[in-house]
Amino acid sequence: PLAILCLAASWFLAAAGVFVRDLGHAVGLTVTALLFLSPVLYPLSAL
């Protein structure tokens, strides 16, 4: 499912990136935020 999720993101963002050239900057910020909004740096039980 991780590979499928990545494929979904890649298909969508690759298509959108052709028409919206600022998308790369927004994706960079979103991905950084996602690091702190996912149980990666801390356990889910800490929430």
ModelCIF file with pLDDT and N, C-alpha, C, O atoms, coordinates in Angstrom:
data_MODEL
#
_entry.id   MODEL 
#
_entity.id                         1 
_entity.type                       polymer 
_entity.pdbx_number_of_molecules   1 
#
_entity_poly.entity_id                      1 
_entity_poly.type                           'polypeptide(L)' 
_entity_poly.nstd_linkage                   no 
_entity_poly.nstd_monomer                   no 
_entity_poly.pdbx_seq_one_letter_code       PLAILCLAASWFLAAAGVFVRDLGHAVGLTVTALLFLSPVLYPLSAL 
_entity_poly.pdbx_seq_one_letter_code_can   PLAILCLAASWFLAAAGVFVRDLGHAVGLTVTALLFLSPVLYPLSAL 
_entity_poly.pdbx_strand_id                 A 
#
loop_
_entity_poly_seq.entity_id 
_entity_poly_seq.num 
_entity_poly_seq.mon_id 
_entity_poly_seq.hetero 
1 1  PRO n 
1 2  LEU n 
1 3  ALA n 
1 4  ILE n 
1 5  LEU n 
1 6  CYS n 
1 7  LEU n 
1 8  ALA n 
1 9  ALA n 
1 10 SER n 
1 11 TRP n 
1 12 PHE n 
1 13 LEU n 
1 14 ALA n 
1 15 ALA n 
1 16 ALA n 
1 17 GLY n 
1 18 VAL n 
1 19 PHE n 
1 20 VAL n 
1 21 ARG n 
1 22 ASP n 
1 23 LEU n 
1 24 GLY n 
1 25 HIS n 
1 26 ALA n 
1 27 VAL n 
1 28 GLY n 
1 29 LEU n 
1 30 THR n 
1 31 VAL n 
1 32 THR n 
1 33 ALA n 
1 34 LEU n 
1 35 LEU n 
1 36 PHE n 
1 37 LEU n 
1 38 SER n 
1 39 PRO n 
1 40 VAL n 
1 41 LEU n 
1 42 TYR n 
1 43 PRO n 
1 44 LEU n 
1 45 SER n 
1 46 ALA n 
1 47 LEU n 
#
_struct_asym.id          A 
_struct_asym.entity_id   1 
#
loop_
_ma_qa_metric.id 
_ma_qa_metric.mode 
_ma_qa_metric.name 
_ma_qa_metric.software_group_id 
_ma_qa_metric.type 
1 global pLDDT . pLDDT 
2 local  pLDDT . pLDDT 
#
_ma_qa_metric_global.metric_id      1 
_ma_qa_metric_global.metric_value   91.81 
_ma_qa_metric_global.model_id       1 
_ma_qa_metric_global.ordinal_id     1 
#
loop_
_ma_qa_metric_local.label_asym_id 
_ma_qa_metric_local.label_comp_id 
_ma_qa_metric_local.label_seq_id 
_ma_qa_metric_local.metric_id 
_ma_qa_metric_local.metric_value 
_ma_qa_metric_local.model_id 
_ma_qa_metric_local.ordinal_id 
A PRO 1  2 95.00 1 1  
A LEU 2  2 96.00 1 2  
A ALA 3  2 95.00 1 3  
A ILE 4  2 95.00 1 4  
A LEU 5  2 96.00 1 5  
A CYS 6  2 96.00 1 6  
A LEU 7  2 95.00 1 7  
A ALA 8  2 95.00 1 8  
A ALA 9  2 96.00 1 9  
A SER 10 2 96.00 1 10 
A TRP 11 2 95.00 1 11 
A PHE 12 2 96.00 1 12 
A LEU 13 2 96.00 1 13 
A ALA 14 2 94.00 1 14 
A ALA 15 2 93.00 1 15 
A ALA 16 2 93.00 1 16 
A GLY 17 2 92.00 1 17 
A VAL 18 2 91.00 1 18 
A PHE 19 2 91.00 1 19 
A VAL 20 2 88.00 1 20 
A ARG 21 2 84.00 1 21 
A ASP 22 2 85.00 1 22 
A LEU 23 2 92.00 1 23 
A GLY 24 2 87.00 1 24 
A HIS 25 2 90.00 1 25 
A ALA 26 2 93.00 1 26 
A VAL 27 2 95.00 1 27 
A GLY 28 2 92.00 1 28 
A LEU 29 2 94.00 1 29 
A THR 30 2 94.00 1 30 
A VAL 31 2 94.00 1 31 
A THR 32 2 93.00 1 32 
A ALA 33 2 93.00 1 33 
A LEU 34 2 94.00 1 34 
A LEU 35 2 92.00 1 35 
A PHE 36 2 92.00 1 36 
A LEU 37 2 91.00 1 37 
A SER 38 2 92.00 1 38 
A PRO 39 2 91.00 1 39 
A VAL 40 2 91.00 1 40 
A LEU 41 2 87.00 1 41 
A TYR 42 2 87.00 1 42 
A PRO 43 2 87.00 1 43 
A LEU 44 2 86.00 1 44 
A SER 45 2 83.00 1 45 
A ALA 46 2 85.00 1 46 
A LEU 47 2 87.00 1 47 
#
loop_
_atom_site.group_PDB 
_atom_site.id 
_atom_site.type_symbol 
_atom_site.label_atom_id 
_atom_site.label_alt_id 
_atom_site.label_comp_id 
_atom_site.label_asym_id 
_atom_site.label_entity_id 
_atom_site.label_seq_id 
_atom_site.pdbx_PDB_ins_code 
_atom_site.Cartn_x 
_atom_site.Cartn_y 
_atom_site.Cartn_z 
_atom_site.occupancy 
_atom_site.B_iso_or_equiv 
_atom_site.pdbx_formal_charge 
_atom_site.auth_seq_id 
_atom_site.auth_comp_id 
_atom_site.auth_asym_id 
_atom_site.auth_atom_id 
_atom_site.pdbx_PDB_model_num 
ATOM 1   N N  . PRO A 1 1  ? 0.820  -1.236 0.000   1.00 95.00 ? 1  PRO A N  1 
ATOM 2   C CA . PRO A 1 1  ? 0.000  0.000  0.000   1.00 95.00 ? 1  PRO A CA 1 
ATOM 3   C C  . PRO A 1 1  ? 0.839  1.264  0.000   1.00 95.00 ? 1  PRO A C  1 
ATOM 4   O O  . PRO A 1 1  ? 0.386  2.296  -0.494  1.00 95.00 ? 1  PRO A O  1 
ATOM 5   N N  . LEU A 1 2  ? 2.057  1.213  0.543   1.00 96.00 ? 2  LEU A N  1 
ATOM 6   C CA . LEU A 1 2  ? 2.936  2.381  0.481   1.00 96.00 ? 2  LEU A CA 1 
ATOM 7   C C  . LEU A 1 2  ? 3.301  2.690  -0.963  1.00 96.00 ? 2  LEU A C  1 
ATOM 8   O O  . LEU A 1 2  ? 3.276  3.849  -1.375  1.00 96.00 ? 2  LEU A O  1 
ATOM 9   N N  . ALA A 1 3  ? 3.639  1.660  -1.735  1.00 95.00 ? 3  ALA A N  1 
ATOM 10  C CA . ALA A 1 3  ? 3.977  1.868  -3.145  1.00 95.00 ? 3  ALA A CA 1 
ATOM 11  C C  . ALA A 1 3  ? 2.773  2.406  -3.918  1.00 95.00 ? 3  ALA A C  1 
ATOM 12  O O  . ALA A 1 3  ? 2.923  3.274  -4.777  1.00 95.00 ? 3  ALA A O  1 
ATOM 13  N N  . ILE A 1 4  ? 1.584  1.894  -3.615  1.00 95.00 ? 4  ILE A N  1 
ATOM 14  C CA . ILE A 1 4  ? 0.374  2.367  -4.302  1.00 95.00 ? 4  ILE A CA 1 
ATOM 15  C C  . ILE A 1 4  ? 0.090  3.824  -3.948  1.00 95.00 ? 4  ILE A C  1 
ATOM 16  O O  . ILE A 1 4  ? -0.280 4.620  -4.812  1.00 95.00 ? 4  ILE A O  1 
ATOM 17  N N  . LEU A 1 5  ? 0.267  4.168  -2.671  1.00 96.00 ? 5  LEU A N  1 
ATOM 18  C CA . LEU A 1 5  ? 0.074  5.558  -2.233  1.00 96.00 ? 5  LEU A CA 1 
ATOM 19  C C  . LEU A 1 5  ? 1.055  6.479  -2.941  1.00 96.00 ? 5  LEU A C  1 
ATOM 20  O O  . LEU A 1 5  ? 0.681  7.563  -3.391  1.00 96.00 ? 5  LEU A O  1 
ATOM 21  N N  . CYS A 1 6  ? 2.310  6.050  -3.041  1.00 96.00 ? 6  CYS A N  1 
ATOM 22  C CA . CYS A 1 6  ? 3.322  6.849  -3.729  1.00 96.00 ? 6  CYS A CA 1 
ATOM 23  C C  . CYS A 1 6  ? 2.981  7.016  -5.205  1.00 96.00 ? 6  CYS A C  1 
ATOM 24  O O  . CYS A 1 6  ? 3.184  8.086  -5.778  1.00 96.00 ? 6  CYS A O  1 
ATOM 25  N N  . LEU A 1 7  ? 2.463  5.952  -5.817  1.00 95.00 ? 7  LEU A N  1 
ATOM 26  C CA . LEU A 1 7  ? 2.076  6.031  -7.222  1.00 95.00 ? 7  LEU A CA 1 
ATOM 27  C C  . LEU A 1 7  ? 0.929  7.016  -7.417  1.00 95.00 ? 7  LEU A C  1 
ATOM 28  O O  . LEU A 1 7  ? 0.908  7.770  -8.390  1.00 95.00 ? 7  LEU A O  1 
ATOM 29  N N  . ALA A 1 8  ? -0.031 7.007  -6.478  1.00 95.00 ? 8  ALA A N  1 
ATOM 30  C CA . ALA A 1 8  ? -1.141 7.966  -6.553  1.00 95.00 ? 8  ALA A CA 1 
ATOM 31  C C  . ALA A 1 8  ? -0.614 9.398  -6.476  1.00 95.00 ? 8  ALA A C  1 
ATOM 32  O O  . ALA A 1 8  ? -1.011 10.256 -7.264  1.00 95.00 ? 8  ALA A O  1 
ATOM 33  N N  . ALA A 1 9  ? 0.278  9.647  -5.525  1.00 96.00 ? 9  ALA A N  1 
ATOM 34  C CA . ALA A 1 9  ? 0.845  10.987 -5.383  1.00 96.00 ? 9  ALA A CA 1 
ATOM 35  C C  . ALA A 1 9  ? 1.651  11.377 -6.614  1.00 96.00 ? 9  ALA A C  1 
ATOM 36  O O  . ALA A 1 9  ? 1.586  12.519 -7.067  1.00 96.00 ? 9  ALA A O  1 
ATOM 37  N N  . SER A 1 10 ? 2.409  10.431 -7.152  1.00 96.00 ? 10 SER A N  1 
ATOM 38  C CA . SER A 1 10 ? 3.266  10.740 -8.295  1.00 96.00 ? 10 SER A CA 1 
ATOM 39  C C  . SER A 1 10 ? 2.452  11.030 -9.546  1.00 96.00 ? 10 SER A C  1 
ATOM 40  O O  . SER A 1 10 ? 2.755  11.981 -10.266 1.00 96.00 ? 10 SER A O  1 
ATOM 41  N N  . TRP A 1 11 ? 1.434  10.238 -9.819  1.00 95.00 ? 11 TRP A N  1 
ATOM 42  C CA . TRP A 1 11 ? 0.585  10.488 -10.992 1.00 95.00 ? 11 TRP A CA 1 
ATOM 43  C C  . TRP A 1 11 ? -0.093 11.852 -10.892 1.00 95.00 ? 11 TRP A C  1 
ATOM 44  O O  . TRP A 1 11 ? -0.083 12.636 -11.841 1.00 95.00 ? 11 TRP A O  1 
ATOM 45  N N  . PHE A 1 12 ? -0.685 12.122 -9.719  1.00 96.00 ? 12 PHE A N  1 
ATOM 46  C CA . PHE A 1 12 ? -1.421 13.376 -9.561  1.00 96.00 ? 12 PHE A CA 1 
ATOM 47  C C  . PHE A 1 12 ? -0.500 14.591 -9.623  1.00 96.00 ? 12 PHE A C  1 
ATOM 48  O O  . PHE A 1 12 ? -0.773 15.544 -10.353 1.00 96.00 ? 12 PHE A O  1 
ATOM 49  N N  . LEU A 1 13 ? 0.588  14.556 -8.858  1.00 96.00 ? 13 LEU A N  1 
ATOM 50  C CA . LEU A 1 13 ? 1.487  15.714 -8.787  1.00 96.00 ? 13 LEU A CA 1 
ATOM 51  C C  . LEU A 1 13 ? 2.259  15.915 -10.088 1.00 96.00 ? 13 LEU A C  1 
ATOM 52  O O  . LEU A 1 13 ? 2.564  17.048 -10.461 1.00 96.00 ? 13 LEU A O  1 
ATOM 53  N N  . ALA A 1 14 ? 2.577  14.821 -10.781 1.00 94.00 ? 14 ALA A N  1 
ATOM 54  C CA . ALA A 1 14 ? 3.263  14.963 -12.074 1.00 94.00 ? 14 ALA A CA 1 
ATOM 55  C C  . ALA A 1 14 ? 2.367  15.664 -13.077 1.00 94.00 ? 14 ALA A C  1 
ATOM 56  O O  . ALA A 1 14 ? 2.820  16.529 -13.826 1.00 94.00 ? 14 ALA A O  1 
ATOM 57  N N  . ALA A 1 15 ? 1.091  15.290 -13.091 1.00 93.00 ? 15 ALA A N  1 
ATOM 58  C CA . ALA A 1 15 ? 0.147  15.931 -14.008 1.00 93.00 ? 15 ALA A CA 1 
ATOM 59  C C  . ALA A 1 15 ? -0.090 17.389 -13.622 1.00 93.00 ? 15 ALA A C  1 
ATOM 60  O O  . ALA A 1 15 ? -0.075 18.269 -14.482 1.00 93.00 ? 15 ALA A O  1 
ATOM 61  N N  . ALA A 1 16 ? -0.311 17.646 -12.329 1.00 93.00 ? 16 ALA A N  1 
ATOM 62  C CA . ALA A 1 16 ? -0.588 19.009 -11.875 1.00 93.00 ? 16 ALA A CA 1 
ATOM 63  C C  . ALA A 1 16 ? 0.637  19.907 -12.041 1.00 93.00 ? 16 ALA A C  1 
ATOM 64  O O  . ALA A 1 16 ? 0.506  21.099 -12.317 1.00 93.00 ? 16 ALA A O  1 
ATOM 65  N N  . GLY A 1 17 ? 1.835  19.326 -11.870 1.00 92.00 ? 17 GLY A N  1 
ATOM 66  C CA . GLY A 1 17 ? 3.046  20.111 -11.967 1.00 92.00 ? 17 GLY A CA 1 
ATOM 67  C C  . GLY A 1 17 ? 3.295  20.683 -13.351 1.00 92.00 ? 17 GLY A C  1 
ATOM 68  O O  . GLY A 1 17 ? 4.016  21.671 -13.492 1.00 92.00 ? 17 GLY A O  1 
ATOM 69  N N  . VAL A 1 18 ? 2.713  20.079 -14.367 1.00 91.00 ? 18 VAL A N  1 
ATOM 70  C CA . VAL A 1 18 ? 2.857  20.599 -15.734 1.00 91.00 ? 18 VAL A CA 1 
ATOM 71  C C  . VAL A 1 18 ? 2.167  21.946 -15.872 1.00 91.00 ? 18 VAL A C  1 
ATOM 72  O O  . VAL A 1 18 ? 2.645  22.823 -16.592 1.00 91.00 ? 18 VAL A O  1 
ATOM 73  N N  . PHE A 1 19 ? 1.043  22.112 -15.184 1.00 91.00 ? 19 PHE A N  1 
ATOM 74  C CA . PHE A 1 19 ? 0.234  23.318 -15.341 1.00 91.00 ? 19 PHE A CA 1 
ATOM 75  C C  . PHE A 1 19 ? 0.446  24.334 -14.216 1.00 91.00 ? 19 PHE A C  1 
ATOM 76  O O  . PHE A 1 19 ? 0.228  25.530 -14.412 1.00 91.00 ? 19 PHE A O  1 
ATOM 77  N N  . VAL A 1 20 ? 0.867  23.868 -13.046 1.00 88.00 ? 20 VAL A N  1 
ATOM 78  C CA . VAL A 1 20 ? 1.083  24.756 -11.893 1.00 88.00 ? 20 VAL A CA 1 
ATOM 79  C C  . VAL A 1 20 ? 2.556  24.649 -11.508 1.00 88.00 ? 20 VAL A C  1 
ATOM 80  O O  . VAL A 1 20 ? 2.943  23.720 -10.800 1.00 88.00 ? 20 VAL A O  1 
ATOM 81  N N  . ARG A 1 21 ? 3.371  25.581 -11.962 1.00 84.00 ? 21 ARG A N  1 
ATOM 82  C CA . ARG A 1 21 ? 4.816  25.476 -11.764 1.00 84.00 ? 21 ARG A CA 1 
ATOM 83  C C  . ARG A 1 21 ? 5.239  25.775 -10.323 1.00 84.00 ? 21 ARG A C  1 
ATOM 84  O O  . ARG A 1 21 ? 6.350  25.425 -9.926  1.00 84.00 ? 21 ARG A O  1 
ATOM 85  N N  . ASP A 1 22 ? 4.373  26.413 -9.540  1.00 85.00 ? 22 ASP A N  1 
ATOM 86  C CA . ASP A 1 22 ? 4.697  26.677 -8.139  1.00 85.00 ? 22 ASP A CA 1 
ATOM 87  C C  . ASP A 1 22 ? 4.403  25.474 -7.248  1.00 85.00 ? 22 ASP A C  1 
ATOM 88  O O  . ASP A 1 22 ? 4.654  25.517 -6.044  1.00 85.00 ? 22 ASP A O  1 
ATOM 89  N N  . LEU A 1 23 ? 3.882  24.421 -7.822  1.00 92.00 ? 23 LEU A N  1 
ATOM 90  C CA . LEU A 1 23 ? 3.447  23.276 -7.028  1.00 92.00 ? 23 LEU A CA 1 
ATOM 91  C C  . LEU A 1 23 ? 4.604  22.645 -6.250  1.00 92.00 ? 23 LEU A C  1 
ATOM 92  O O  . LEU A 1 23 ? 4.417  22.169 -5.130  1.00 92.00 ? 23 LEU A O  1 
ATOM 93  N N  . GLY A 1 24 ? 5.789  22.643 -6.844  1.00 87.00 ? 24 GLY A N  1 
ATOM 94  C CA . GLY A 1 24 ? 6.935  22.029 -6.171  1.00 87.00 ? 24 GLY A CA 1 
ATOM 95  C C  . GLY A 1 24 ? 7.218  22.644 -4.816  1.00 87.00 ? 24 GLY A C  1 
ATOM 96  O O  . GLY A 1 24 ? 7.550  21.933 -3.868  1.00 87.00 ? 24 GLY A O  1 
ATOM 97  N N  . HIS A 1 25 ? 7.088  23.974 -4.711  1.00 90.00 ? 25 HIS A N  1 
ATOM 98  C CA . HIS A 1 25 ? 7.334  24.651 -3.440  1.00 90.00 ? 25 HIS A CA 1 
ATOM 99  C C  . HIS A 1 25 ? 6.273  24.257 -2.408  1.00 90.00 ? 25 HIS A C  1 
ATOM 100 O O  . HIS A 1 25 ? 6.586  24.017 -1.242  1.00 90.00 ? 25 HIS A O  1 
ATOM 101 N N  . ALA A 1 26 ? 5.025  24.196 -2.851  1.00 93.00 ? 26 ALA A N  1 
ATOM 102 C CA . ALA A 1 26 ? 3.946  23.827 -1.937  1.00 93.00 ? 26 ALA A CA 1 
ATOM 103 C C  . ALA A 1 26 ? 4.086  22.385 -1.465  1.00 93.00 ? 26 ALA A C  1 
ATOM 104 O O  . ALA A 1 26 ? 3.824  22.077 -0.302  1.00 93.00 ? 26 ALA A O  1 
ATOM 105 N N  . VAL A 1 27 ? 4.500  21.503 -2.371  1.00 95.00 ? 27 VAL A N  1 
ATOM 106 C CA . VAL A 1 27 ? 4.667  20.097 -1.999  1.00 95.00 ? 27 VAL A CA 1 
ATOM 107 C C  . VAL A 1 27 ? 5.787  19.943 -0.981  1.00 95.00 ? 27 VAL A C  1 
ATOM 108 O O  . VAL A 1 27 ? 5.671  19.159 -0.040  1.00 95.00 ? 27 VAL A O  1 
ATOM 109 N N  . GLY A 1 28 ? 6.885  20.700 -1.170  1.00 92.00 ? 28 GLY A N  1 
ATOM 110 C CA . GLY A 1 28 ? 7.982  20.635 -0.213  1.00 92.00 ? 28 GLY A CA 1 
ATOM 111 C C  . GLY A 1 28 ? 7.540  21.008 1.190   1.00 92.00 ? 28 GLY A C  1 
ATOM 112 O O  . GLY A 1 28 ? 7.911  20.341 2.156   1.00 92.00 ? 28 GLY A O  1 
ATOM 113 N N  . LEU A 1 29 ? 6.746  22.072 1.313   1.00 94.00 ? 29 LEU A N  1 
ATOM 114 C CA . LEU A 1 29 ? 6.245  22.484 2.621   1.00 94.00 ? 29 LEU A CA 1 
ATOM 115 C C  . LEU A 1 29 ? 5.272  21.457 3.196   1.00 94.00 ? 29 LEU A C  1 
ATOM 116 O O  . LEU A 1 29 ? 5.301  21.160 4.390   1.00 94.00 ? 29 LEU A O  1 
ATOM 117 N N  . THR A 1 30 ? 4.411  20.920 2.333   1.00 94.00 ? 30 THR A N  1 
ATOM 118 C CA . THR A 1 30 ? 3.423  19.943 2.785   1.00 94.00 ? 30 THR A CA 1 
ATOM 119 C C  . THR A 1 30 ? 4.089  18.669 3.281   1.00 94.00 ? 30 THR A C  1 
ATOM 120 O O  . THR A 1 30 ? 3.694  18.111 4.305   1.00 94.00 ? 30 THR A O  1 
ATOM 121 N N  . VAL A 1 31 ? 5.094  18.214 2.555   1.00 94.00 ? 31 VAL A N  1 
ATOM 122 C CA . VAL A 1 31 ? 5.800  16.995 2.950   1.00 94.00 ? 31 VAL A CA 1 
ATOM 123 C C  . VAL A 1 31 ? 6.516  17.192 4.279   1.00 94.00 ? 31 VAL A C  1 
ATOM 124 O O  . VAL A 1 31 ? 6.544  16.284 5.110   1.00 94.00 ? 31 VAL A O  1 
ATOM 125 N N  . THR A 1 32 ? 7.098  18.381 4.488   1.00 93.00 ? 32 THR A N  1 
ATOM 126 C CA . THR A 1 32 ? 7.747  18.679 5.766   1.00 93.00 ? 32 THR A CA 1 
ATOM 127 C C  . THR A 1 32 ? 6.729  18.661 6.900   1.00 93.00 ? 32 THR A C  1 
ATOM 128 O O  . THR A 1 32 ? 6.986  18.101 7.965   1.00 93.00 ? 32 THR A O  1 
ATOM 129 N N  . ALA A 1 33 ? 5.567  19.280 6.666   1.00 93.00 ? 33 ALA A N  1 
ATOM 130 C CA . ALA A 1 33 ? 4.508  19.273 7.679   1.00 93.00 ? 33 ALA A CA 1 
ATOM 131 C C  . ALA A 1 33 ? 4.031  17.854 7.964   1.00 93.00 ? 33 ALA A C  1 
ATOM 132 O O  . ALA A 1 33 ? 3.708  17.516 9.102   1.00 93.00 ? 33 ALA A O  1 
ATOM 133 N N  . LEU A 1 34 ? 3.991  17.026 6.921   1.00 94.00 ? 34 LEU A N  1 
ATOM 134 C CA . LEU A 1 34 ? 3.517  15.657 7.078   1.00 94.00 ? 34 LEU A CA 1 
ATOM 135 C C  . LEU A 1 34 ? 4.426  14.849 7.998   1.00 94.00 ? 34 LEU A C  1 
ATOM 136 O O  . LEU A 1 34 ? 3.972  13.923 8.670   1.00 94.00 ? 34 LEU A O  1 
ATOM 137 N N  . LEU A 1 35 ? 5.700  15.200 8.025   1.00 92.00 ? 35 LEU A N  1 
ATOM 138 C CA . LEU A 1 35 ? 6.630  14.505 8.918   1.00 92.00 ? 35 LEU A CA 1 
ATOM 139 C C  . LEU A 1 35 ? 6.199  14.655 10.372  1.00 92.00 ? 35 LEU A C  1 
ATOM 140 O O  . LEU A 1 35 ? 6.334  13.723 11.165  1.00 92.00 ? 35 LEU A O  1 
ATOM 141 N N  . PHE A 1 36 ? 5.678  15.835 10.719  1.00 92.00 ? 36 PHE A N  1 
ATOM 142 C CA . PHE A 1 36 ? 5.274  16.091 12.099  1.00 92.00 ? 36 PHE A CA 1 
ATOM 143 C C  . PHE A 1 36 ? 3.813  15.727 12.350  1.00 92.00 ? 36 PHE A C  1 
ATOM 144 O O  . PHE A 1 36 ? 3.382  15.660 13.501  1.00 92.00 ? 36 PHE A O  1 
ATOM 145 N N  . LEU A 1 37 ? 3.054  15.493 11.291  1.00 91.00 ? 37 LEU A N  1 
ATOM 146 C CA . LEU A 1 37 ? 1.648  15.117 11.429  1.00 91.00 ? 37 LEU A CA 1 
ATOM 147 C C  . LEU A 1 37 ? 1.450  13.621 11.245  1.00 91.00 ? 37 LEU A C  1 
ATOM 148 O O  . LEU A 1 37 ? 0.316  13.155 11.132  1.00 91.00 ? 37 LEU A O  1 
ATOM 149 N N  . SER A 1 38 ? 2.534  12.869 11.214  1.00 92.00 ? 38 SER A N  1 
ATOM 150 C CA . SER A 1 38 ? 2.496  11.411 11.136  1.00 92.00 ? 38 SER A CA 1 
ATOM 151 C C  . SER A 1 38 ? 3.251  10.853 12.341  1.00 92.00 ? 38 SER A C  1 
ATOM 152 O O  . SER A 1 38 ? 4.161  11.508 12.849  1.00 92.00 ? 38 SER A O  1 
ATOM 153 N N  . PRO A 1 39 ? 2.895  9.666  12.804  1.00 91.00 ? 39 PRO A N  1 
ATOM 154 C CA . PRO A 1 39 ? 3.595  9.085  13.966  1.00 91.00 ? 39 PRO A CA 1 
ATOM 155 C C  . PRO A 1 39 ? 4.961  8.531  13.575  1.00 91.00 ? 39 PRO A C  1 
ATOM 156 O O  . PRO A 1 39 ? 5.225  7.336  13.708  1.00 91.00 ? 39 PRO A O  1 
ATOM 157 N N  . VAL A 1 40 ? 5.821  9.420  13.091  1.00 91.00 ? 40 VAL A N  1 
ATOM 158 C CA . VAL A 1 40 ? 7.163  9.035  12.659  1.00 91.00 ? 40 VAL A CA 1 
ATOM 159 C C  . VAL A 1 40 ? 8.187  9.357  13.732  1.00 91.00 ? 40 VAL A C  1 
ATOM 160 O O  . VAL A 1 40 ? 9.001  8.506  14.093  1.00 91.00 ? 40 VAL A O  1 
ATOM 161 N N  . LEU A 1 41 ? 8.154  10.591 14.249  1.00 87.00 ? 41 LEU A N  1 
ATOM 162 C CA . LEU A 1 41 ? 9.116  11.043 15.249  1.00 87.00 ? 41 LEU A CA 1 
ATOM 163 C C  . LEU A 1 41 ? 8.653  10.770 16.669  1.00 87.00 ? 41 LEU A C  1 
ATOM 164 O O  . LEU A 1 41 ? 9.393  11.027 17.618  1.00 87.00 ? 41 LEU A O  1 
ATOM 165 N N  . TYR A 1 42 ? 7.451  10.259 16.829  1.00 87.00 ? 42 TYR A N  1 
ATOM 166 C CA . TYR A 1 42 ? 6.890  9.994  18.151  1.00 87.00 ? 42 TYR A CA 1 
ATOM 167 C C  . TYR A 1 42 ? 5.879  8.849  18.022  1.00 87.00 ? 42 TYR A C  1 
ATOM 168 O O  . TYR A 1 42 ? 5.334  8.624  16.942  1.00 87.00 ? 42 TYR A O  1 
ATOM 169 N N  . PRO A 1 43 ? 5.628  8.129  19.116  1.00 87.00 ? 43 PRO A N  1 
ATOM 170 C CA . PRO A 1 43 ? 4.654  7.031  19.058  1.00 87.00 ? 43 PRO A CA 1 
ATOM 171 C C  . PRO A 1 43 ? 3.226  7.558  19.028  1.00 87.00 ? 43 PRO A C  1 
ATOM 172 O O  . PRO A 1 43 ? 2.932  8.624  19.569  1.00 87.00 ? 43 PRO A O  1 
ATOM 173 N N  . LEU A 1 44 ? 2.359  6.810  18.401  1.00 86.00 ? 44 LEU A N  1 
ATOM 174 C CA . LEU A 1 44 ? 0.951  7.199  18.338  1.00 86.00 ? 44 LEU A CA 1 
ATOM 175 C C  . LEU A 1 44 ? 0.350  7.276  19.738  1.00 86.00 ? 44 LEU A C  1 
ATOM 176 O O  . LEU A 1 44 ? -0.565 8.064  19.975  1.00 86.00 ? 44 LEU A O  1 
ATOM 177 N N  . SER A 1 45 ? 0.854  6.469  20.665  1.00 83.00 ? 45 SER A N  1 
ATOM 178 C CA . SER A 1 45 ? 0.339  6.456  22.034  1.00 83.00 ? 45 SER A CA 1 
ATOM 179 C C  . SER A 1 45 ? 0.629  7.751  22.783  1.00 83.00 ? 45 SER A C  1 
ATOM 180 O O  . SER A 1 45 ? 0.019  8.019  23.819  1.00 83.00 ? 45 SER A O  1 
ATOM 181 N N  . ALA A 1 46 ? 1.575  8.570  22.258  1.00 85.00 ? 46 ALA A N  1 
ATOM 182 C CA . ALA A 1 46 ? 1.906  9.829  22.925  1.00 85.00 ? 46 ALA A CA 1 
ATOM 183 C C  . ALA A 1 46 ? 0.868  10.908 22.657  1.00 85.00 ? 46 ALA A C  1 
ATOM 184 O O  . ALA A 1 46 ? 0.878  11.949 23.315  1.00 85.00 ? 46 ALA A O  1 
ATOM 185 N N  . LEU A 1 47 ? -0.014 10.679 21.716  1.00 87.00 ? 47 LEU A N  1 
ATOM 186 C CA . LEU A 1 47 ? -1.009 11.682 21.359  1.00 87.00 ? 47 LEU A CA 1 
ATOM 187 C C  . LEU A 1 47 ? -2.193 11.646 22.318  1.00 87.00 ? 47 LEU A C  1 
ATOM 188 O O  . LEU A 1 47 ? -3.133 12.427 22.168  1.00 87.00 ? 47 LEU A O  1 
#
